[in-house]
Amino acid sequence: MIITGGENVSSIEVEDVVFSHPAVAEVAVIGVPDDKWGEMVTAIVVVAEGEQVTEADIVAHCRGKIAGYKIPKRVEFRDELARTATGKIQKFKLRESFWEGSERQIN
């Protein structure tokens, strides 16, 4: 659960919408520290082979499908997502670099 501006955002709900974009092969949605909102909804995206997509494309795809406060405020592109041996995405590893040095911590 991501808490942004006092609102609860289900990362799974946002992931489902982002993943429905045809150029997205994989996605993980996490909350990263934000001075104004507490946490900022951030999508970490792996682009499907042979496809091209921009941050603006992802955000536009989400408009009208989910509430405005749930739309990712930031989209980062990666070649792969950290996974366990059984294939589960390790969101805590994705969060580490964003939360490093922050006074506030999350699990």
N, C-alpha and C. Protein backbone atom coordinates (compact mmCIF):
# COMPACT_ATOMS: atom_id res chain seq x y z
N MET A 1 0.85 -1.18 0.00
CA MET A 1 0.00 0.00 0.00
C MET A 1 0.89 1.24 0.00
N ILE A 2 0.56 2.18 -0.85
CA ILE A 2 1.27 3.45 -0.94
C ILE A 2 0.35 4.51 -0.36
N ILE A 3 0.89 5.39 0.48
CA ILE A 3 0.08 6.46 1.05
C ILE A 3 0.60 7.78 0.48
N THR A 4 -0.22 8.41 -0.34
CA THR A 4 0.18 9.66 -0.98
C THR A 4 -0.88 10.72 -0.70
N GLY A 5 -0.48 11.80 -0.07
CA GLY A 5 -1.42 12.87 0.25
C GLY A 5 -2.57 12.41 1.11
N GLY A 6 -2.33 11.42 1.97
CA GLY A 6 -3.36 10.90 2.86
C GLY A 6 -4.27 9.87 2.21
N GLU A 7 -4.07 9.58 0.95
CA GLU A 7 -4.88 8.59 0.23
C GLU A 7 -4.12 7.28 0.11
N ASN A 8 -4.83 6.17 0.27
CA ASN A 8 -4.23 4.85 0.09
C ASN A 8 -4.31 4.43 -1.37
N VAL A 9 -3.18 3.98 -1.89
CA VAL A 9 -3.13 3.54 -3.28
C VAL A 9 -2.65 2.09 -3.31
N SER A 10 -3.42 1.22 -3.93
CA SER A 10 -3.05 -0.17 -4.08
C SER A 10 -2.08 -0.28 -5.25
N SER A 11 -0.87 -0.74 -4.97
CA SER A 11 0.12 -0.87 -6.05
C SER A 11 -0.37 -1.86 -7.11
N ILE A 12 -1.08 -2.90 -6.70
CA ILE A 12 -1.57 -3.91 -7.64
C ILE A 12 -2.56 -3.30 -8.63
N GLU A 13 -3.44 -2.44 -8.15
CA GLU A 13 -4.41 -1.79 -9.03
C GLU A 13 -3.70 -0.95 -10.10
N VAL A 14 -2.69 -0.19 -9.69
CA VAL A 14 -1.95 0.66 -10.63
C VAL A 14 -1.15 -0.21 -11.59
N GLU A 15 -0.53 -1.27 -11.06
CA GLU A 15 0.23 -2.19 -11.91
C GLU A 15 -0.65 -2.78 -13.01
N ASP A 16 -1.87 -3.17 -12.67
CA ASP A 16 -2.78 -3.76 -13.66
C ASP A 16 -3.06 -2.79 -14.81
N VAL A 17 -3.25 -1.51 -14.47
CA VAL A 17 -3.54 -0.51 -15.50
C VAL A 17 -2.31 -0.27 -16.37
N VAL A 18 -1.14 -0.08 -15.74
CA VAL A 18 0.09 0.16 -16.51
C VAL A 18 0.39 -1.05 -17.40
N PHE A 19 0.23 -2.25 -16.84
CA PHE A 19 0.54 -3.48 -17.59
C PHE A 19 -0.38 -3.65 -18.80
N SER A 20 -1.55 -3.05 -18.77
CA SER A 20 -2.46 -3.17 -19.90
C SER A 20 -1.98 -2.39 -21.13
N HIS A 21 -0.96 -1.55 -20.96
CA HIS A 21 -0.37 -0.86 -22.12
C HIS A 21 0.39 -1.89 -22.95
N PRO A 22 0.18 -1.93 -24.26
CA PRO A 22 0.79 -2.98 -25.09
C PRO A 22 2.32 -2.98 -25.14
N ALA A 23 2.96 -1.87 -24.80
CA ALA A 23 4.43 -1.81 -24.84
C ALA A 23 5.08 -2.22 -23.53
N VAL A 24 4.27 -2.54 -22.52
CA VAL A 24 4.81 -2.87 -21.20
C VAL A 24 4.90 -4.39 -21.04
N ALA A 25 6.13 -4.87 -20.78
CA ALA A 25 6.35 -6.30 -20.56
C ALA A 25 6.20 -6.66 -19.08
N GLU A 26 6.71 -5.78 -18.21
CA GLU A 26 6.63 -5.99 -16.76
C GLU A 26 6.53 -4.63 -16.09
N VAL A 27 5.92 -4.62 -14.90
CA VAL A 27 5.82 -3.38 -14.14
C VAL A 27 5.75 -3.70 -12.66
N ALA A 28 6.36 -2.81 -11.87
CA ALA A 28 6.21 -2.83 -10.42
C ALA A 28 5.93 -1.40 -10.00
N VAL A 29 4.95 -1.22 -9.14
CA VAL A 29 4.61 0.12 -8.67
C VAL A 29 4.97 0.20 -7.19
N ILE A 30 5.73 1.25 -6.85
CA ILE A 30 6.19 1.45 -5.48
C ILE A 30 5.96 2.90 -5.07
N GLY A 31 6.05 3.14 -3.78
CA GLY A 31 6.00 4.50 -3.27
C GLY A 31 7.42 4.96 -2.97
N VAL A 32 7.77 6.15 -3.41
CA VAL A 32 9.09 6.71 -3.11
C VAL A 32 8.89 7.98 -2.30
N PRO A 33 9.87 8.35 -1.47
CA PRO A 33 9.69 9.51 -0.59
C PRO A 33 9.39 10.80 -1.38
N ASP A 34 8.48 11.58 -0.85
CA ASP A 34 8.13 12.86 -1.45
C ASP A 34 7.85 13.84 -0.32
N ASP A 35 8.51 14.98 -0.35
CA ASP A 35 8.36 15.97 0.73
C ASP A 35 6.95 16.50 0.85
N LYS A 36 6.26 16.67 -0.26
CA LYS A 36 4.92 17.25 -0.23
C LYS A 36 3.84 16.21 0.07
N TRP A 37 3.91 15.04 -0.58
CA TRP A 37 2.83 14.06 -0.51
C TRP A 37 3.11 12.87 0.40
N GLY A 38 4.29 12.77 0.95
CA GLY A 38 4.64 11.62 1.79
C GLY A 38 5.28 10.53 0.95
N GLU A 39 4.53 10.01 0.01
CA GLU A 39 5.06 9.05 -0.95
C GLU A 39 4.54 9.44 -2.34
N MET A 40 5.36 9.18 -3.34
CA MET A 40 4.99 9.45 -4.72
C MET A 40 4.82 8.11 -5.44
N VAL A 41 3.71 7.95 -6.12
CA VAL A 41 3.45 6.72 -6.88
C VAL A 41 4.44 6.67 -8.05
N THR A 42 5.24 5.59 -8.08
CA THR A 42 6.28 5.44 -9.10
C THR A 42 6.16 4.08 -9.76
N ALA A 43 6.18 4.07 -11.08
CA ALA A 43 6.12 2.81 -11.84
C ALA A 43 7.50 2.49 -12.37
N ILE A 44 7.97 1.29 -12.11
CA ILE A 44 9.22 0.78 -12.67
C ILE A 44 8.80 -0.16 -13.80
N VAL A 45 9.18 0.18 -15.03
CA VAL A 45 8.66 -0.50 -16.21
C VAL A 45 9.78 -1.17 -17.01
N VAL A 46 9.50 -2.39 -17.46
CA VAL A 46 10.34 -3.07 -18.44
C VAL A 46 9.55 -3.06 -19.74
N VAL A 47 10.15 -2.48 -20.77
CA VAL A 47 9.47 -2.34 -22.06
C VAL A 47 9.58 -3.66 -22.85
N ALA A 48 8.48 -4.02 -23.50
CA ALA A 48 8.44 -5.23 -24.32
C ALA A 48 9.44 -5.11 -25.47
N GLU A 49 10.02 -6.24 -25.82
CA GLU A 49 11.02 -6.27 -26.88
C GLU A 49 10.45 -5.71 -28.19
N GLY A 50 11.21 -4.81 -28.79
CA GLY A 50 10.79 -4.21 -30.05
C GLY A 50 9.79 -3.06 -29.91
N GLU A 51 9.44 -2.71 -28.70
CA GLU A 51 8.47 -1.64 -28.45
C GLU A 51 9.18 -0.39 -27.95
N GLN A 52 8.51 0.74 -28.07
CA GLN A 52 8.99 1.99 -27.51
C GLN A 52 7.84 2.67 -26.80
N VAL A 53 8.13 3.25 -25.64
CA VAL A 53 7.11 3.95 -24.87
C VAL A 53 7.81 5.00 -24.01
N THR A 54 7.13 6.10 -23.76
CA THR A 54 7.69 7.16 -22.93
C THR A 54 6.91 7.26 -21.62
N GLU A 55 7.48 8.03 -20.70
CA GLU A 55 6.79 8.28 -19.43
C GLU A 55 5.43 8.92 -19.70
N ALA A 56 5.38 9.88 -20.62
CA ALA A 56 4.13 10.55 -20.96
C ALA A 56 3.09 9.58 -21.52
N ASP A 57 3.54 8.60 -22.31
CA ASP A 57 2.64 7.58 -22.86
C ASP A 57 1.99 6.77 -21.74
N ILE A 58 2.80 6.38 -20.76
CA ILE A 58 2.29 5.59 -19.63
C ILE A 58 1.27 6.38 -18.83
N VAL A 59 1.61 7.63 -18.52
CA VAL A 59 0.71 8.49 -17.74
C VAL A 59 -0.59 8.70 -18.51
N ALA A 60 -0.51 8.99 -19.80
CA ALA A 60 -1.72 9.20 -20.62
C ALA A 60 -2.58 7.94 -20.66
N HIS A 61 -1.94 6.78 -20.72
CA HIS A 61 -2.66 5.50 -20.74
C HIS A 61 -3.47 5.30 -19.45
N CYS A 62 -2.95 5.80 -18.34
CA CYS A 62 -3.61 5.62 -17.04
C CYS A 62 -4.78 6.59 -16.84
N ARG A 63 -4.74 7.75 -17.48
CA ARG A 63 -5.81 8.75 -17.30
C ARG A 63 -7.16 8.15 -17.72
N GLY A 64 -8.15 8.37 -16.86
CA GLY A 64 -9.49 7.87 -17.16
C GLY A 64 -9.72 6.43 -16.73
N LYS A 65 -8.64 5.72 -16.42
CA LYS A 65 -8.77 4.33 -15.98
C LYS A 65 -8.70 4.20 -14.47
N ILE A 66 -7.95 5.13 -13.83
CA ILE A 66 -7.84 5.15 -12.37
C ILE A 66 -7.89 6.61 -11.91
N ALA A 67 -8.15 6.80 -10.63
CA ALA A 67 -8.23 8.15 -10.06
C ALA A 67 -6.90 8.89 -10.25
N GLY A 68 -6.97 10.18 -10.39
CA GLY A 68 -5.80 11.01 -10.65
C GLY A 68 -4.68 10.83 -9.65
N TYR A 69 -5.01 10.67 -8.36
CA TYR A 69 -3.97 10.53 -7.35
C TYR A 69 -3.26 9.16 -7.42
N LYS A 70 -3.83 8.22 -8.17
CA LYS A 70 -3.23 6.89 -8.31
C LYS A 70 -2.30 6.81 -9.53
N ILE A 71 -2.42 7.75 -10.45
CA ILE A 71 -1.60 7.74 -11.66
C ILE A 71 -0.14 7.95 -11.28
N PRO A 72 0.77 7.15 -11.82
CA PRO A 72 2.19 7.33 -11.47
C PRO A 72 2.66 8.75 -11.77
N LYS A 73 3.34 9.34 -10.79
CA LYS A 73 3.91 10.68 -10.96
C LYS A 73 5.30 10.59 -11.56
N ARG A 74 5.83 9.39 -11.55
CA ARG A 74 7.17 9.14 -12.08
C ARG A 74 7.18 7.74 -12.69
N VAL A 75 7.83 7.62 -13.85
CA VAL A 75 7.98 6.32 -14.50
C VAL A 75 9.46 6.14 -14.80
N GLU A 76 10.02 5.03 -14.33
CA GLU A 76 11.42 4.71 -14.61
C GLU A 76 11.45 3.44 -15.45
N PHE A 77 12.38 3.41 -16.38
CA PHE A 77 12.51 2.25 -17.25
C PHE A 77 13.75 1.46 -16.86
N ARG A 78 13.59 0.16 -16.81
CA ARG A 78 14.69 -0.75 -16.45
C ARG A 78 14.74 -1.89 -17.45
N ASP A 79 15.91 -2.55 -17.51
CA ASP A 79 16.06 -3.71 -18.38
C ASP A 79 15.42 -4.95 -17.77
N GLU A 80 15.39 -4.99 -16.41
CA GLU A 80 14.78 -6.12 -15.71
C GLU A 80 14.41 -5.70 -14.30
N LEU A 81 13.56 -6.49 -13.65
CA LEU A 81 13.15 -6.25 -12.28
C LEU A 81 13.77 -7.32 -11.39
N ALA A 82 14.19 -6.92 -10.19
CA ALA A 82 14.77 -7.87 -9.23
C ALA A 82 13.70 -8.90 -8.85
N ARG A 83 14.09 -10.18 -8.90
CA ARG A 83 13.15 -11.26 -8.60
C ARG A 83 13.78 -12.28 -7.65
N THR A 84 12.89 -13.01 -6.96
CA THR A 84 13.34 -14.12 -6.13
C THR A 84 13.60 -15.32 -7.03
N ALA A 85 14.11 -16.38 -6.45
CA ALA A 85 14.36 -17.61 -7.21
C ALA A 85 13.07 -18.19 -7.79
N THR A 86 11.94 -17.89 -7.15
CA THR A 86 10.65 -18.40 -7.64
C THR A 86 9.97 -17.43 -8.60
N GLY A 87 10.62 -16.30 -8.88
CA GLY A 87 10.09 -15.37 -9.88
C GLY A 87 9.29 -14.20 -9.35
N LYS A 88 9.14 -14.07 -8.04
CA LYS A 88 8.38 -12.97 -7.47
C LYS A 88 9.23 -11.69 -7.50
N ILE A 89 8.61 -10.57 -7.88
CA ILE A 89 9.32 -9.29 -7.90
C ILE A 89 9.67 -8.88 -6.47
N GLN A 90 10.92 -8.47 -6.28
CA GLN A 90 11.40 -8.03 -4.96
C GLN A 90 11.28 -6.52 -4.86
N LYS A 91 10.10 -6.05 -4.47
CA LYS A 91 9.86 -4.61 -4.40
C LYS A 91 10.77 -3.93 -3.39
N PHE A 92 11.12 -4.63 -2.32
CA PHE A 92 11.99 -4.01 -1.33
C PHE A 92 13.34 -3.63 -1.95
N LYS A 93 13.82 -4.42 -2.90
CA LYS A 93 15.08 -4.10 -3.59
C LYS A 93 14.89 -2.90 -4.51
N LEU A 94 13.74 -2.79 -5.13
CA LEU A 94 13.47 -1.65 -5.99
C LEU A 94 13.37 -0.36 -5.18
N ARG A 95 12.83 -0.46 -3.95
CA ARG A 95 12.67 0.71 -3.09
C ARG A 95 13.99 1.21 -2.48
N GLU A 96 14.95 0.29 -2.28
CA GLU A 96 16.17 0.61 -1.53
C GLU A 96 16.84 1.89 -1.96
N SER A 97 17.10 2.06 -3.24
CA SER A 97 17.84 3.23 -3.70
C SER A 97 17.07 4.53 -3.46
N PHE A 98 15.74 4.47 -3.50
CA PHE A 98 14.92 5.66 -3.30
C PHE A 98 14.86 6.06 -1.82
N TRP A 99 14.80 5.07 -0.93
CA TRP A 99 14.62 5.33 0.49
C TRP A 99 15.93 5.46 1.25
N GLU A 100 17.05 5.15 0.61
CA GLU A 100 18.35 5.22 1.25
C GLU A 100 18.60 6.64 1.76
N GLY A 101 18.95 6.75 3.04
CA GLY A 101 19.23 8.05 3.64
C GLY A 101 18.01 8.81 4.11
N SER A 102 16.83 8.28 3.87
CA SER A 102 15.60 8.94 4.31
C SER A 102 15.38 8.67 5.80
N GLU A 103 14.93 9.69 6.51
CA GLU A 103 14.64 9.51 7.94
C GLU A 103 13.47 8.56 8.13
N ARG A 104 12.49 8.66 7.27
CA ARG A 104 11.33 7.79 7.33
C ARG A 104 11.63 6.52 6.58
N GLN A 105 11.21 5.39 7.08
CA GLN A 105 11.45 4.11 6.41
C GLN A 105 10.14 3.35 6.28
N ILE A 106 10.08 2.50 5.28
CA ILE A 106 8.93 1.62 5.11
C ILE A 106 9.42 0.19 4.96
N ASN A 107 8.51 -0.76 5.05
CA ASN A 107 8.88 -2.18 4.89
C ASN A 107 8.67 -2.60 3.46
